[in-house]
C-alpha atoms as a PDB file:
ATOM      1  CA  MET A   1      -0.003  -0.010   0.002  1.00  0.00           C
ATOM      2  CA  VAL A   2       1.268   3.485  -0.909  1.00  0.00           C
ATOM      3  CA  GLU A   3       1.714   5.620   2.206  1.00  0.00           C
ATOM      4  CA  PRO A   4       1.808   9.369   1.395  1.00  0.00           C
ATOM      5  CA  VAL A   5       3.189  10.283   4.832  1.00  0.00           C
ATOM      6  CA  ALA A   6       5.591  13.006   3.686  1.00  0.00           C
ATOM      7  CA  LEU A   7       3.230  14.471   1.103  1.00  0.00           C
ATOM      8  CA  VAL A   8       0.375  14.759   3.601  1.00  0.00           C
ATOM      9  CA  ALA A   9       2.725  16.239   6.229  1.00  0.00           C
ATOM     10  CA  LEU A  10       3.836  18.862   3.695  1.00  0.00           C
ATOM     11  CA  MET A  11       0.228  19.692   2.896  1.00  0.00           C
ATOM     12  CA  LEU A  12      -0.708  20.010   6.569  1.00  0.00           C
ATOM     13  CA  ASP A  13       2.213  22.345   7.155  1.00  0.00           C
ATOM     14  CA  ALA A  14       1.401  24.447   4.090  1.00  0.00           C
ATOM     15  CA  VAL A  15      -2.240  24.851   5.112  1.00  0.00           C
ATOM     16  CA  LEU A  16      -1.915  25.116   8.900  1.00  0.00           C
ATOM     17  CA  GLY A  17       1.676  25.888   9.804  1.00  0.00           C
ATOM     18  CA  TRP A  18       1.921  25.521  13.574  1.00  0.00           C
ATOM     19  CA  PRO A  19      -1.206  27.380  14.773  1.00  0.00           C
ATOM     20  CA  VAL A  20      -0.779  30.106  17.400  1.00  0.00           C
ATOM     21  CA  TRP A  21      -3.585  28.642  19.521  1.00  0.00           C
ATOM     22  CA  LEU A  22      -1.860  25.244  19.504  1.00  0.00           C
ATOM     23  CA  TYR A  23       1.490  26.780  20.390  1.00  0.00           C
ATOM     24  CA  ALA A  24      -0.153  28.667  23.267  1.00  0.00           C
ATOM     25  CA  ARG A  25      -1.607  25.415  24.605  1.00  0.00           C
ATOM     26  CA  ILE A  26       1.220  22.916  24.195  1.00  0.00           C
ATOM     27  CA  GLY A  27       4.202  24.846  22.830  1.00  0.00           C
ATOM     28  CA  HIS A  28       6.219  23.158  20.074  1.00  0.00           C
ATOM     29  CA  PRO A  29       8.223  19.899  20.173  1.00  0.00           C
ATOM     30  CA  VAL A  30      11.411  21.794  19.313  1.00  0.00           C
ATOM     31  CA  GLY A  31      10.929  23.743  22.540  1.00  0.00           C
ATOM     32  CA  GLY A  32      11.391  20.461  24.432  1.00  0.00           C
ATOM     33  CA  PHE A  33      14.719  19.897  22.702  1.00  0.00           C
ATOM     34  CA  ALA A  34      15.716  23.475  23.535  1.00  0.00           C
ATOM     35  CA  ARG A  35      14.984  22.921  27.232  1.00  0.00           C
ATOM     36  CA  ILE A  36      17.095  19.749  27.292  1.00  0.00           C
ATOM     37  CA  ILE A  37      19.968  21.530  25.520  1.00  0.00           C
ATOM     38  CA  GLY A  38      19.786  24.542  27.811  1.00  0.00           C
ATOM     39  CA  THR A  39      19.755  22.432  30.970  1.00  0.00           C
ATOM     40  CA  VAL A  40      22.616  20.217  29.855  1.00  0.00           C
ATOM     41  CA  GLU A  41      24.690  23.177  28.653  1.00  0.00           C
ATOM     42  CA  ARG A  42      24.411  24.906  32.010  1.00  0.00           C
ATOM     43  CA  ARG A  43      25.548  21.783  33.847  1.00  0.00           C
ATOM     44  CA  TRP A  44      28.095  20.273  31.462  1.00  0.00           C
ATOM     45  CA  ASN A  45      29.713  23.257  29.760  1.00  0.00           C
ATOM     46  CA  ARG A  46      31.683  24.398  32.802  1.00  0.00           C
ATOM     47  CA  GLU A  47      34.154  27.227  32.573  1.00  0.00           C
ATOM     48  CA  ALA A  48      36.632  25.370  34.768  1.00  0.00           C
ATOM     49  CA  TRP A  49      36.835  22.434  32.360  1.00  0.00           C
ATOM     50  CA  ARG A  50      39.429  22.356  29.566  1.00  0.00           C
ATOM     51  CA  GLY A  51      38.584  22.075  25.874  1.00  0.00           C
ATOM     52  CA  PRO A  52      38.868  18.264  25.513  1.00  0.00           C
ATOM     53  CA  MET A  53      36.506  17.702  28.451  1.00  0.00           C
ATOM     54  CA  ARG A  54      33.999  20.126  26.961  1.00  0.00           C
ATOM     55  CA  ARG A  55      34.148  18.260  23.659  1.00  0.00           C
ATOM     56  CA  TRP A  56      33.324  15.020  25.443  1.00  0.00           C
ATOM     57  CA  THR A  57      30.400  16.571  27.273  1.00  0.00           C
ATOM     58  CA  GLY A  58      29.198  18.140  24.017  1.00  0.00           C
ATOM     59  CA  LEU A  59      29.346  14.709  22.401  1.00  0.00           C
ATOM     60  CA  ALA A  60      27.356  13.327  25.321  1.00  0.00           C
ATOM     61  CA  LEU A  61      24.716  15.982  24.701  1.00  0.00           C
ATOM     62  CA  LEU A  62      24.535  14.978  21.028  1.00  0.00           C
ATOM     63  CA  LEU A  63      24.114  11.288  21.907  1.00  0.00           C
ATOM     64  CA  LEU A  64      21.463  12.164  24.479  1.00  0.00           C
ATOM     65  CA  LEU A  65      19.494  14.145  21.913  1.00  0.00           C
ATOM     66  CA  LEU A  66      19.746  11.389  19.322  1.00  0.00           C
ATOM     67  CA  GLY A  67      18.553   8.903  21.900  1.00  0.00           C
ATOM     68  CA  VAL A  68      15.624  11.023  23.054  1.00  0.00           C
ATOM     69  CA  ALA A  69      14.484  12.291  19.656  1.00  0.00           C
ATOM     70  CA  GLY A  70      15.309   9.248  17.561  1.00  0.00           C
ATOM     71  CA  GLY A  71      14.150   6.843  20.245  1.00  0.00           C
ATOM     72  CA  SER A  72      10.866   8.694  20.731  1.00  0.00           C
ATOM     73  CA  GLY A  73      10.307   8.740  16.970  1.00  0.00           C
ATOM     74  CA  LEU A  74      11.016   5.003  16.751  1.00  0.00           C
ATOM     75  CA  VAL A  75       8.610   4.155  19.571  1.00  0.00           C
ATOM     76  CA  MET A  76       5.965   6.497  18.134  1.00  0.00           C
ATOM     77  CA  GLU A  77       6.191   4.996  14.659  1.00  0.00           C
ATOM     78  CA  TRP A  78       6.057   1.448  16.024  1.00  0.00           C
ATOM     79  CA  ALA A  79       3.037   2.267  18.199  1.00  0.00           C
ATOM     80  CA  ILE A  80       1.176   4.019  15.386  1.00  0.00           C
ATOM     81  CA  ARG A  81       1.717   1.181  12.941  1.00  0.00           C
ATOM     82  CA  ARG A  82       0.651  -1.383  15.542  1.00  0.00           C
ATOM     83  CA  TRP A  83      -2.465   0.553  16.552  1.00  0.00           C
ATOM     84  CA  ALA A  84      -3.636   2.139  13.286  1.00  0.00           C
ATOM     85  CA  GLY A  85      -2.914  -0.579  10.772  1.00  0.00           C
ATOM     86  CA  ASP A  86      -3.660   0.457   7.179  1.00  0.00           C
ATOM     87  CA  MET A  87      -4.485   3.990   8.332  1.00  0.00           C
ATOM     88  CA  ALA A  88      -1.122   4.469  10.024  1.00  0.00           C
ATOM     89  CA  TRP A  89       0.010   6.907   7.318  1.00  0.00           C
ATOM     90  CA  VAL A  90      -2.531   9.488   8.505  1.00  0.00           C
ATOM     91  CA  TRP A  91      -1.176   9.483  12.056  1.00  0.00           C
ATOM     92  CA  LEU A  92       2.433   9.315  10.913  1.00  0.00           C
ATOM     93  CA  ALA A  93       1.851  12.442   8.818  1.00  0.00           C
ATOM     94  CA  LEU A  94       0.333  14.186  11.824  1.00  0.00           C
ATOM     95  CA  ALA A  95       3.372  13.204  13.908  1.00  0.00           C
ATOM     96  CA  ALA A  96       5.795  14.506  11.246  1.00  0.00           C
ATOM     97  CA  TRP A  97       3.918  17.720  10.408  1.00  0.00           C
ATOM     98  CA  PRO A  98       5.304  19.893  13.289  1.00  0.00           C
ATOM     99  CA  ALA A  99       8.887  19.302  12.115  1.00  0.00           C
ATOM    100  CA  LEU A 100       8.284  21.121   8.806  1.00  0.00           C
ATOM    101  CA  ALA A 101       8.372  24.910   8.434  1.00  0.00           C
ATOM    102  CA  GLN A 102       7.177  25.859   4.947  1.00  0.00           C
ATOM    103  CA  ARG A 103       4.378  28.160   6.096  1.00  0.00           C
ATOM    104  CA  SER A 104       6.281  29.505   9.102  1.00  0.00           C
ATOM    105  CA  LEU A 105       9.293  30.498   7.015  1.00  0.00           C
ATOM    106  CA  HIS A 106       7.134  32.328   4.479  1.00  0.00           C
ATOM    107  CA  ALA A 107       5.191  34.005   7.303  1.00  0.00           C
ATOM    108  CA  HIS A 108       8.421  35.326   8.845  1.00  0.00           C
ATOM    109  CA  VAL A 109      10.051  36.567   5.636  1.00  0.00           C
ATOM    110  CA  ALA A 110       7.026  38.072   3.864  1.00  0.00           C
ATOM    111  CA  PRO A 111       6.519  40.865   6.454  1.00  0.00           C
ATOM    112  CA  VAL A 112      10.044  42.097   5.734  1.00  0.00           C
ATOM    113  CA  ALA A 113       9.139  42.560   2.081  1.00  0.00           C
ATOM    114  CA  HIS A 114       5.800  44.147   2.980  1.00  0.00           C
ATOM    115  CA  ALA A 115       7.483  46.719   5.235  1.00  0.00           C
ATOM    116  CA  LEU A 116      10.101  47.562   2.625  1.00  0.00           C
ATOM    117  CA  ALA A 117       7.396  47.962  -0.010  1.00  0.00           C
ATOM    118  CA  LYS A 118       5.652  50.518   2.200  1.00  0.00           C
ATOM    119  CA  GLY A 119       8.902  52.390   2.838  1.00  0.00           C
ATOM    120  CA  GLU A 120       8.846  51.524   6.538  1.00  0.00           C
ATOM    121  CA  LEU A 121      12.543  50.797   7.074  1.00  0.00           C
ATOM    122  CA  ASN A 122      12.380  50.581  10.878  1.00  0.00           C
ATOM    123  CA  ALA A 123       9.539  48.054  10.699  1.00  0.00           C
ATOM    124  CA  ALA A 124      11.500  46.064   8.122  1.00  0.00           C
ATOM    125  CA  ARG A 125      14.554  46.074  10.398  1.00  0.00           C
ATOM    126  CA  GLN A 126      12.456  44.802  13.288  1.00  0.00           C
ATOM    127  CA  ALA A 127      10.868  42.095  11.152  1.00  0.00           C
ATOM    128  CA  VAL A 128      14.176  40.821   9.769  1.00  0.00           C
ATOM    129  CA  GLY A 129      15.707  41.035  13.257  1.00  0.00           C
ATOM    130  CA  ARG A 130      13.353  38.243  14.315  1.00  0.00           C
ATOM    131  CA  ILE A 131      14.882  35.798  11.825  1.00  0.00           C
ATOM    132  CA  VAL A 132      18.595  36.689  11.668  1.00  0.00           C
ATOM    133  CA  GLY A 133      21.352  36.961  14.254  1.00  0.00           C
ATOM    134  CA  ARG A 134      23.187  39.965  12.803  1.00  0.00           C
ATOM    135  CA  ASP A 135      22.789  43.559  13.998  1.00  0.00           C
ATOM    136  CA  THR A 136      19.829  45.087  12.149  1.00  0.00           C
ATOM    137  CA  ASP A 137      19.428  48.549  13.711  1.00  0.00           C
ATOM    138  CA  ALA A 138      21.615  50.289  11.111  1.00  0.00           C
ATOM    139  CA  LEU A 139      20.806  48.245   8.016  1.00  0.00           C
ATOM    140  CA  ASP A 140      19.728  50.137   4.909  1.00  0.00           C
ATOM    141  CA  ASP A 141      17.075  48.818   2.514  1.00  0.00           C
ATOM    142  CA  ALA A 142      19.584  46.651   0.643  1.00  0.00           C
ATOM    143  CA  GLY A 143      20.994  45.236   3.882  1.00  0.00           C
ATOM    144  CA  VAL A 144      17.526  44.318   5.148  1.00  0.00           C
ATOM    145  CA  ALA A 145      16.610  42.699   1.824  1.00  0.00           C
ATOM    146  CA  ARG A 146      19.872  40.733   1.757  1.00  0.00           C
ATOM    147  CA  ALA A 147      19.316  39.474   5.292  1.00  0.00           C
ATOM    148  CA  GLY A 148      15.788  38.360   4.497  1.00  0.00           C
ATOM    149  CA  ILE A 149      16.738  36.604   1.281  1.00  0.00           C
ATOM    150  CA  GLU A 150      19.723  34.859   2.875  1.00  0.00           C
ATOM    151  CA  SER A 151      17.547  33.630   5.735  1.00  0.00           C
ATOM    152  CA  LEU A 152      14.916  32.378   3.275  1.00  0.00           C
ATOM    153  CA  ALA A 153      17.480  30.469   1.194  1.00  0.00           C
ATOM    154  CA  GLU A 154      19.330  28.916   4.130  1.00  0.00           C
ATOM    155  CA  SER A 155      16.177  28.079   6.068  1.00  0.00           C
ATOM    156  CA  PHE A 156      14.657  26.452   2.994  1.00  0.00           C
ATOM    157  CA  CYS A 157      17.270  23.760   3.628  1.00  0.00           C
ATOM    158  CA  ASP A 158      17.164  23.664   7.446  1.00  0.00           C
ATOM    159  CA  GLY A 159      13.415  24.060   7.860  1.00  0.00           C
ATOM    160  CA  VAL A 160      11.970  22.264   4.845  1.00  0.00           C
ATOM    161  CA  VAL A 161      14.299  20.188   2.667  1.00  0.00           C
ATOM    162  CA  ALA A 162      16.396  18.555   5.378  1.00  0.00           C
ATOM    163  CA  PRO A 163      13.511  17.493   7.659  1.00  0.00           C
ATOM    164  CA  LEU A 164      11.650  16.115   4.650  1.00  0.00           C
ATOM    165  CA  PHE A 165      14.774  14.305   3.426  1.00  0.00           C
ATOM    166  CA  TRP A 166      15.273  12.521   6.730  1.00  0.00           C
ATOM    167  CA  LEU A 167      11.563  11.730   7.011  1.00  0.00           C
ATOM    168  CA  LEU A 168      11.693  10.017   3.625  1.00  0.00           C
ATOM    169  CA  VAL A 169      14.912   8.164   4.464  1.00  0.00           C
ATOM    170  CA  LEU A 170      14.336   7.159   8.111  1.00  0.00           C
ATOM    171  CA  GLY A 171      10.730   7.976   8.986  1.00  0.00           C
ATOM    172  CA  LEU A 172       9.779   9.601  12.272  1.00  0.00           C
ATOM    173  CA  PRO A 173      13.110   8.748  13.954  1.00  0.00           C
ATOM    174  CA  GLY A 174      14.932  10.518  11.132  1.00  0.00           C
ATOM    175  CA  ILE A 175      12.914  13.726  11.029  1.00  0.00           C
ATOM    176  CA  TRP A 176      12.878  14.247  14.798  1.00  0.00           C
ATOM    177  CA  ALA A 177      16.528  13.324  15.291  1.00  0.00           C
ATOM    178  CA  TYR A 178      17.376  15.890  12.627  1.00  0.00           C
ATOM    179  CA  LYS A 179      15.290  18.579  14.356  1.00  0.00           C
ATOM    180  CA  ALA A 180      16.993  17.880  17.673  1.00  0.00           C
ATOM    181  CA  VAL A 181      20.483  18.112  16.179  1.00  0.00           C
ATOM    182  CA  ASN A 182      19.628  21.239  14.197  1.00  0.00           C
ATOM    183  CA  THR A 183      18.255  22.877  17.342  1.00  0.00           C
ATOM    184  CA  ALA A 184      21.463  22.048  19.185  1.00  0.00           C
ATOM    185  CA  ASP A 185      23.531  23.502  16.371  1.00  0.00           C
ATOM    186  CA  SER A 186      21.559  26.757  16.465  1.00  0.00           C
ATOM    187  CA  MET A 187      21.925  27.033  20.259  1.00  0.00           C
ATOM    188  CA  VAL A 188      25.450  25.830  20.985  1.00  0.00           C
ATOM    189  CA  GLY A 189      27.124  25.080  17.631  1.00  0.00           C
ATOM    190  CA  HIS A 190      29.111  28.328  17.561  1.00  0.00           C
ATOM    191  CA  LYS A 191      32.827  28.949  17.143  1.00  0.00           C
ATOM    192  CA  GLU A 192      32.844  31.659  19.805  1.00  0.00           C
ATOM    193  CA  ALA A 193      33.320  31.019  23.520  1.00  0.00           C
ATOM    194  CA  PRO A 194      31.861  29.425  25.579  1.00  0.00           C
ATOM    195  CA  PHE A 195      30.585  27.047  22.877  1.00  0.00           C
ATOM    196  CA  THR A 196      33.774  26.544  20.854  1.00  0.00           C
ATOM    197  CA  ASP A 197      34.412  23.045  22.181  1.00  0.00           C
ATOM    198  CA  PHE A 198      31.101  22.139  23.781  1.00  0.00           C
ATOM    199  CA  GLY A 199      29.142  22.737  20.576  1.00  0.00           C
ATOM    200  CA  TRP A 200      31.676  21.143  18.245  1.00  0.00           C
ATOM    201  CA  ALA A 201      29.975  17.715  18.000  1.00  0.00           C
ATOM    202  CA  ALA A 202      26.523  19.167  17.374  1.00  0.00           C
ATOM    203  CA  ALA A 203      27.841  21.544  14.702  1.00  0.00           C
ATOM    204  CA  ARG A 204      29.810  18.863  12.845  1.00  0.00           C
ATOM    205  CA  PHE A 205      26.944  16.344  12.967  1.00  0.00           C
ATOM    206  CA  ASP A 206      24.523  18.995  11.746  1.00  0.00           C
ATOM    207  CA  ASP A 207      26.897  19.645   8.840  1.00  0.00           C
ATOM    208  CA  LEU A 208      26.816  15.938   8.024  1.00  0.00           C
ATOM    209  CA  LEU A 209      23.003  15.707   8.170  1.00  0.00           C
ATOM    210  CA  ASN A 210      22.631  18.775   5.940  1.00  0.00           C
ATOM    211  CA  TRP A 211      25.192  17.751   3.315  1.00  0.00           C
ATOM    212  CA  ALA A 212      22.765  16.182   0.846  1.00  0.00           C
ATOM    213  CA  PRO A 213      19.731  18.377   1.675  1.00  0.00           C
ATOM    214  CA  ALA A 214      21.715  21.603   1.130  1.00  0.00           C
ATOM    215  CA  ARG A 215      22.734  20.573  -2.352  1.00  0.00           C
ATOM    216  CA  LEU A 216      19.212  19.380  -3.161  1.00  0.00           C
ATOM    217  CA  ALA A 217      17.840  22.713  -1.914  1.00  0.00           C
ATOM    218  CA  ALA A 218      20.279  24.597  -4.141  1.00  0.00           C
ATOM    219  CA  PHE A 219      19.336  22.586  -7.220  1.00  0.00           C
ATOM    220  CA  LEU A 220      15.625  23.149  -6.556  1.00  0.00           C
ATOM    221  CA  LEU A 221      16.152  26.898  -6.153  1.00  0.00           C
ATOM    222  CA  CYS A 222      18.034  27.065  -9.451  1.00  0.00           C
ATOM    223  CA  ILE A 223      15.275  25.146 -11.233  1.00  0.00           C
ATOM    224  CA  ALA A 224      12.545  27.234  -9.595  1.00  0.00           C
ATOM    225  CA  GLY A 225      14.431  30.442 -10.371  1.00  0.00           C
ATOM    226  CA  GLY A 226      15.214  29.552 -13.966  1.00  0.00           C
ATOM    227  CA  GLY A 227      18.972  29.874 -13.525  1.00  0.00           C
ATOM    228  CA  GLY A 228      21.773  30.494 -11.071  1.00  0.00           C
ATOM    229  CA  TRP A 229      23.737  27.320 -11.752  1.00  0.00           C
ATOM    230  CA  ALA A 230      27.026  29.010 -12.588  1.00  0.00           C
ATOM    231  CA  MET A 231      26.862  31.235  -9.508  1.00  0.00           C
ATOM    232  CA  MET A 232      25.976  28.279  -7.312  1.00  0.00           C
ATOM    233  CA  TRP A 233      29.030  26.337  -8.463  1.00  0.00           C
ATOM    234  CA  ARG A 234      31.328  29.384  -8.301  1.00  0.00           C
ATOM    235  CA  ASP A 235      30.340  30.935  -4.976  1.00  0.00           C
ATOM    236  CA  HIS A 236      28.990  28.203  -2.703  1.00  0.00           C
ATOM    237  CA  GLY A 237      32.412  27.867  -1.057  1.00  0.00           C
ATOM    238  CA  ARG A 238      32.507  31.540  -0.032  1.00  0.00           C
ATOM    239  CA  HIS A 239      30.225  30.865   2.934  1.00  0.00           C
ATOM    240  CA  ALA A 240      31.760  29.819   6.239  1.00  0.00           C
ATOM    241  CA  SER A 241      29.329  26.886   6.402  1.00  0.00           C
ATOM    242  CA  PRO A 242      30.035  23.877   4.164  1.00  0.00           C
ATOM    243  CA  ASN A 243      26.312  23.723   3.407  1.00  0.00           C
ATOM    244  CA  ALA A 244      24.615  27.129   3.717  1.00  0.00           C
ATOM    245  CA  GLY A 245      26.576  28.550   0.786  1.00  0.00           C
ATOM    246  CA  TRP A 246      24.829  26.212  -1.654  1.00  0.00           C
ATOM    247  CA  PRO A 247      21.248  27.529  -1.390  1.00  0.00           C
ATOM    248  CA  GLU A 248      22.435  31.116  -0.813  1.00  0.00           C
ATOM    249  CA  ALA A 249      24.625  31.092  -3.916  1.00  0.00           C
ATOM    250  CA  ALA A 250      21.822  29.453  -5.905  1.00  0.00           C
ATOM    251  CA  MET A 251      19.351  32.155  -4.826  1.00  0.00           C
ATOM    252  CA  ALA A 252      21.856  34.932  -5.541  1.00  0.00           C
ATOM    253  CA  GLY A 253      22.447  33.541  -9.018  1.00  0.00           C
ATOM    254  CA  ALA A 254      18.751  33.074  -9.760  1.00  0.00           C
ATOM    255  CA  LEU A 255      18.022  36.658  -8.685  1.00  0.00           C
ATOM    256  CA  LYS A 256      21.195  38.105 -10.261  1.00  0.00           C
ATOM    257  CA  ILE A 257      22.086  39.959  -7.046  1.00  0.00           C
ATOM    258  CA  ARG A 258      24.823  39.761  -4.460  1.00  0.00           C
ATOM    259  CA  LEU A 259      24.293  38.423  -0.955  1.00  0.00           C
ATOM    260  CA  ALA A 260      26.357  38.173   2.264  1.00  0.00           C
ATOM    261  CA  GLY A 261      29.273  40.628   2.397  1.00  0.00           C
ATOM    262  CA  PRO A 262      30.374  42.584   5.512  1.00  0.00           C
ATOM    263  CA  ILE A 263      28.019  41.967   8.456  1.00  0.00           C
ATOM    264  CA  ARG A 264      27.906  43.310  12.017  1.00  0.00           C
ATOM    265  CA  TYR A 265      27.392  40.996  14.971  1.00  0.00           C
ATOM    266  CA  ASP A 266      27.222  42.481  18.484  1.00  0.00           C
ATOM    267  CA  GLY A 267      28.695  45.726  17.205  1.00  0.00           C
ATOM    268  CA  LEU A 268      31.691  44.095  15.505  1.00  0.00           C
ATOM    269  CA  LEU A 269      32.115  44.199  11.724  1.00  0.00           C
ATOM    270  CA  HIS A 270      32.882  40.839  10.103  1.00  0.00           C
ATOM    271  CA  ASP A 271      34.320  41.209   6.620  1.00  0.00           C
ATOM    272  CA  LYS A 272      32.626  38.264   4.941  1.00  0.00           C
ATOM    273  CA  PRO A 273      33.005  37.719   1.197  1.00  0.00           C
ATOM    274  CA  TRP A 274      30.226  38.532  -1.224  1.00  0.00           C
ATOM    275  CA  ILE A 275      28.175  35.729  -2.724  1.00  0.00           C
ATOM    276  CA  GLY A 276      26.953  36.439  -6.234  1.00  0.00           C
ATOM    277  CA  THR A 277      27.391  39.413  -8.527  1.00  0.00           C
ATOM    278  CA  GLY A 278      24.952  41.900  -9.967  1.00  0.00           C
ATOM    279  CA  GLY A 279      22.586  44.437  -8.502  1.00  0.00           C
ATOM    280  CA  GLU A 280      21.775  45.201  -4.901  1.00  0.00           C
ATOM    281  CA  ALA A 281      18.998  43.335  -3.146  1.00  0.00           C
ATOM    282  CA  ASP A 282      15.724  45.241  -2.829  1.00  0.00           C
ATOM    283  CA  VAL A 283      12.024  44.651  -2.250  1.00  0.00           C
ATOM    284  CA  HIS A 284      11.585  43.409  -5.827  1.00  0.00           C
ATOM    285  CA  ALA A 285      14.311  40.818  -5.285  1.00  0.00           C
ATOM    286  CA  MET A 286      12.675  39.786  -2.006  1.00  0.00           C
ATOM    287  CA  ARG A 287       9.322  39.256  -3.706  1.00  0.00           C
ATOM    288  CA  ALA A 288      10.999  37.277  -6.478  1.00  0.00           C
ATOM    289  CA  ALA A 289      12.815  35.183  -3.862  1.00  0.00           C
ATOM    290  CA  LEU A 290       9.515  34.364  -2.154  1.00  0.00           C
ATOM    291  CA  ARG A 291       8.037  33.253  -5.487  1.00  0.00           C
ATOM    292  CA  ILE A 292      11.082  31.068  -6.153  1.00  0.00           C
ATOM    293  CA  TYR A 293      10.717  29.603  -2.662  1.00  0.00           C
ATOM    294  CA  LEU A 294       7.074  28.709  -3.226  1.00  0.00           C
ATOM    295  CA  ARG A 295       7.846  27.029  -6.553  1.00  0.00           C
ATOM    296  CA  ALA A 296      10.696  25.086  -4.942  1.00  0.00           C
ATOM    297  CA  CYS A 297       8.352  23.911  -2.191  1.00  0.00           C
ATOM    298  CA  LEU A 298       5.865  22.667  -4.787  1.00  0.00           C
ATOM    299  CA  MET A 299       8.664  20.752  -6.494  1.00  0.00           C
ATOM    300  CA  LEU A 300       9.430  19.129  -3.156  1.00  0.00           C
ATOM    301  CA  TRP A 301       5.834  17.967  -3.012  1.00  0.00           C
ATOM    302  CA  GLY A 302       6.344  16.333  -6.393  1.00  0.00           C
ATOM    303  CA  LEU A 303       9.559  14.639  -5.259  1.00  0.00           C
ATOM    304  CA  ALA A 304       7.853  13.361  -2.109  1.00  0.00           C
ATOM    305  CA  ALA A 305       4.960  11.971  -4.170  1.00  0.00           C
ATOM    306  CA  ILE A 306       7.375  10.239  -6.556  1.00  0.00           C
ATOM    307  CA  TRP A 307       9.461   8.777  -3.716  1.00  0.00           C
ATOM    308  CA  GLU A 308       6.447   7.468  -1.820  1.00  0.00           C
ATOM    309  CA  GLY A 309       4.796   6.223  -4.994  1.00  0.00           C
ATOM    310  CA  ILE A 310       7.886   4.163  -5.815  1.00  0.00           C
ATOM    311  CA  GLY A 311       8.139   2.928  -2.208  1.00  0.00           C
END
């Protein structure tokens, strides 16, 4: 029997997202991972410990998360299949749905474009500040647009392609283990102290899990954007991440603009290389990026349908 688990999960996410009323009542599963990570980090990432010890405790955190998330997914999938029989795919899709972020990503990026279109730069800065880690108070229109487009391209991988990829490959254990690792990477996988050693294992494992999805995301963005292949191949290595540069360079090439460049974090200027060549990002580029994103998401639906139809 064909089980359209991933396709139905994608549809649920596109239609519903993660409703505010549901979040207010039960929160979000990723919040549970965040609480585990925060608690463990406070207890195991001790300032008095040397680097090697912190790496071991960071590895222990990674194994704990894989056990909790992957183990819970395994038990959940086994229980659903045992209880629901031929209708298990419906419940499996419901269990996978919260791990996808198609609607949420669009809902966070679109307000940036709306504010820029109305000439409300301060509102645009505030909106983009909710989705990026850089300083946004002094960004001009181009800087705001770049930040929004970069976040859209990178998060297309982290929030949509990668969770779907691991759902298709490993089922519920795969999608929830990925979400746990990705949450750890965002919280502690930084090169700066005090996470340099403690977050090393989470960051490297997240890189491994995103290797294939990042390249798939880039290819989809080039197809959806009608170009960008040359820029993707040329500039993907200019990003500090071994994966994030792929979708960002693909989006820059498809839009014929430049992304990245010098960025301020906590008041300090980081002279990062430019990705892409061409014009400056603006509200028109943001709107085009959102259209490319939606087309790429629809192509993912098609890939999911093909995969599950073959399976």
